[in-house]
Amino acid sequence: FLFIGFLELGVMKDITGTGEFVGDFRNDGALDFGWDSFSPEEQERKRAIELNQGRAAMMGILGLMVHEMLPSHDPYMINAILGAPVEF
């Protein structure tokens, strides 16, 4: 918990004010990883890939939360809904 707080308050912020887009926390230093060496098309492609991976992760977490809150812990719940329940 303290480590995440340290990252939020001390590392992951646009200190220099030179961020090219929302979430650009490079700050002209250690977190660059060669971003400036990519062409603008490659940068756009990599940002799109990262956005899609974030969306997929959110859908995965949502699926886990929905499954956890289902009233039955029957993995074949759809069978019971359609009239062919499976007994365990």
C-alpha atoms as a PDB file:
ATOM      1  CA  PHE A   1       0.000   0.000   0.000  1.00  0.00           C
ATOM      2  CA  LEU A   2       2.781   2.430   0.878  1.00  0.00           C
ATOM      3  CA  PHE A   3       4.733   1.527  -2.242  1.00  0.00           C
ATOM      4  CA  ILE A   4       1.759   2.306  -4.495  1.00  0.00           C
ATOM      5  CA  GLY A   5       1.244   5.585  -2.632  1.00  0.00           C
ATOM      6  CA  PHE A   6       4.894   6.449  -3.227  1.00  0.00           C
ATOM      7  CA  LEU A   7       4.551   5.713  -6.944  1.00  0.00           C
ATOM      8  CA  GLU A   8       1.377   7.815  -7.220  1.00  0.00           C
ATOM      9  CA  LEU A   9       2.794  10.805  -5.346  1.00  0.00           C
ATOM     10  CA  GLY A  10       6.451  10.687  -6.296  1.00  0.00           C
ATOM     11  CA  VAL A  11       7.024   8.933  -9.586  1.00  0.00           C
ATOM     12  CA  MET A  12       3.930   8.704 -11.776  1.00  0.00           C
ATOM     13  CA  LYS A  13       3.197  12.350 -12.485  1.00  0.00           C
ATOM     14  CA  ASP A  14       4.085  14.798 -15.226  1.00  0.00           C
ATOM     15  CA  ILE A  15       6.718  16.807 -13.346  1.00  0.00           C
ATOM     16  CA  THR A  16       8.143  18.639 -16.336  1.00  0.00           C
ATOM     17  CA  GLY A  17       4.794  19.429 -17.975  1.00  0.00           C
ATOM     18  CA  THR A  18       6.036  18.118 -21.310  1.00  0.00           C
ATOM     19  CA  GLY A  19       3.754  15.068 -21.601  1.00  0.00           C
ATOM     20  CA  GLU A  20       2.698  14.449 -25.198  1.00  0.00           C
ATOM     21  CA  PHE A  21      -0.544  12.684 -24.203  1.00  0.00           C
ATOM     22  CA  VAL A  22      -2.530  11.700 -21.134  1.00  0.00           C
ATOM     23  CA  GLY A  23      -0.533   9.177 -19.118  1.00  0.00           C
ATOM     24  CA  ASP A  24       2.867  10.226 -20.524  1.00  0.00           C
ATOM     25  CA  PHE A  25       5.005  10.013 -17.375  1.00  0.00           C
ATOM     26  CA  ARG A  26       8.470   9.770 -18.943  1.00  0.00           C
ATOM     27  CA  ASN A  27       9.688  13.039 -17.384  1.00  0.00           C
ATOM     28  CA  ASP A  28      12.843  13.160 -19.523  1.00  0.00           C
ATOM     29  CA  GLY A  29      14.538  10.470 -17.519  1.00  0.00           C
ATOM     30  CA  ALA A  30      14.626   6.849 -16.496  1.00  0.00           C
ATOM     31  CA  LEU A  31      11.161   5.856 -17.771  1.00  0.00           C
ATOM     32  CA  ASP A  32      11.771   6.619 -21.453  1.00  0.00           C
ATOM     33  CA  PHE A  33      12.551   3.072 -22.738  1.00  0.00           C
ATOM     34  CA  GLY A  34      13.322   4.396 -26.239  1.00  0.00           C
ATOM     35  CA  TRP A  35       9.902   5.929 -26.916  1.00  0.00           C
ATOM     36  CA  ASP A  36      11.403   8.864 -28.823  1.00  0.00           C
ATOM     37  CA  SER A  37      13.202   6.514 -31.213  1.00  0.00           C
ATOM     38  CA  PHE A  38       9.876   5.260 -32.656  1.00  0.00           C
ATOM     39  CA  SER A  39       8.206   6.871 -35.651  1.00  0.00           C
ATOM     40  CA  PRO A  40       4.903   8.701 -35.023  1.00  0.00           C
ATOM     41  CA  GLU A  41       3.022   5.847 -36.709  1.00  0.00           C
ATOM     42  CA  GLU A  42       4.742   3.269 -34.478  1.00  0.00           C
ATOM     43  CA  GLN A  43       4.000   5.363 -31.381  1.00  0.00           C
ATOM     44  CA  GLU A  44       0.322   5.552 -32.342  1.00  0.00           C
ATOM     45  CA  ARG A  45       0.252   1.792 -32.967  1.00  0.00           C
ATOM     46  CA  LYS A  46       1.841   1.030 -29.589  1.00  0.00           C
ATOM     47  CA  ARG A  47      -0.563   3.372 -27.789  1.00  0.00           C
ATOM     48  CA  ALA A  48      -3.502   1.616 -29.500  1.00  0.00           C
ATOM     49  CA  ILE A  49      -2.144  -1.784 -28.453  1.00  0.00           C
ATOM     50  CA  GLU A  50      -1.787  -0.596 -24.849  1.00  0.00           C
ATOM     51  CA  LEU A  51      -5.329   0.814 -24.878  1.00  0.00           C
ATOM     52  CA  ASN A  52      -6.747  -2.471 -26.194  1.00  0.00           C
ATOM     53  CA  GLN A  53      -4.846  -4.488 -23.580  1.00  0.00           C
ATOM     54  CA  GLY A  54      -6.232  -2.218 -20.859  1.00  0.00           C
ATOM     55  CA  ARG A  55      -9.753  -2.744 -22.156  1.00  0.00           C
ATOM     56  CA  ALA A  56      -9.256  -6.515 -22.237  1.00  0.00           C
ATOM     57  CA  ALA A  57      -7.965  -6.467 -18.654  1.00  0.00           C
ATOM     58  CA  MET A  58     -11.010  -4.471 -17.517  1.00  0.00           C
ATOM     59  CA  MET A  59     -13.347  -6.958 -19.206  1.00  0.00           C
ATOM     60  CA  GLY A  60     -11.514  -9.854 -17.541  1.00  0.00           C
ATOM     61  CA  ILE A  61     -11.825  -8.290 -14.094  1.00  0.00           C
ATOM     62  CA  LEU A  62     -15.499  -7.523 -14.750  1.00  0.00           C
ATOM     63  CA  GLY A  63     -16.068 -11.168 -15.684  1.00  0.00           C
ATOM     64  CA  LEU A  64     -14.425 -12.322 -12.447  1.00  0.00           C
ATOM     65  CA  MET A  65     -16.534  -9.927 -10.373  1.00  0.00           C
ATOM     66  CA  VAL A  66     -19.783 -10.970 -12.090  1.00  0.00           C
ATOM     67  CA  HIS A  67     -18.975 -14.655 -11.649  1.00  0.00           C
ATOM     68  CA  GLU A  68     -18.208 -14.087  -7.965  1.00  0.00           C
ATOM     69  CA  MET A  69     -21.581 -12.399  -7.370  1.00  0.00           C
ATOM     70  CA  LEU A  70     -23.760 -14.981  -9.168  1.00  0.00           C
ATOM     71  CA  PRO A  71     -26.375 -16.457  -6.803  1.00  0.00           C
ATOM     72  CA  SER A  72     -25.358 -20.021  -7.650  1.00  0.00           C
ATOM     73  CA  HIS A  73     -21.864 -21.451  -7.732  1.00  0.00           C
ATOM     74  CA  ASP A  74     -22.952 -23.856 -10.460  1.00  0.00           C
ATOM     75  CA  PRO A  75     -20.433 -23.573 -13.312  1.00  0.00           C
ATOM     76  CA  TYR A  76     -23.161 -24.759 -15.709  1.00  0.00           C
ATOM     77  CA  MET A  77     -25.707 -22.148 -14.617  1.00  0.00           C
ATOM     78  CA  ILE A  78     -26.827 -21.646 -18.226  1.00  0.00           C
ATOM     79  CA  ASN A  79     -28.066 -25.271 -18.288  1.00  0.00           C
ATOM     80  CA  ALA A  80     -30.385 -24.597 -15.336  1.00  0.00           C
ATOM     81  CA  ILE A  81     -31.683 -21.461 -17.038  1.00  0.00           C
ATOM     82  CA  LEU A  82     -32.451 -23.447 -20.201  1.00  0.00           C
ATOM     83  CA  GLY A  83     -34.141 -26.268 -18.269  1.00  0.00           C
ATOM     84  CA  ALA A  84     -31.418 -28.939 -18.199  1.00  0.00           C
ATOM     85  CA  PRO A  85     -29.741 -28.601 -14.784  1.00  0.00           C
ATOM     86  CA  VAL A  86     -26.623 -30.615 -13.965  1.00  0.00           C
ATOM     87  CA  GLU A  87     -26.353 -32.087 -10.466  1.00  0.00           C
ATOM     88  CA  PHE A  88     -23.021 -32.054  -8.643  1.00  0.00           C
END
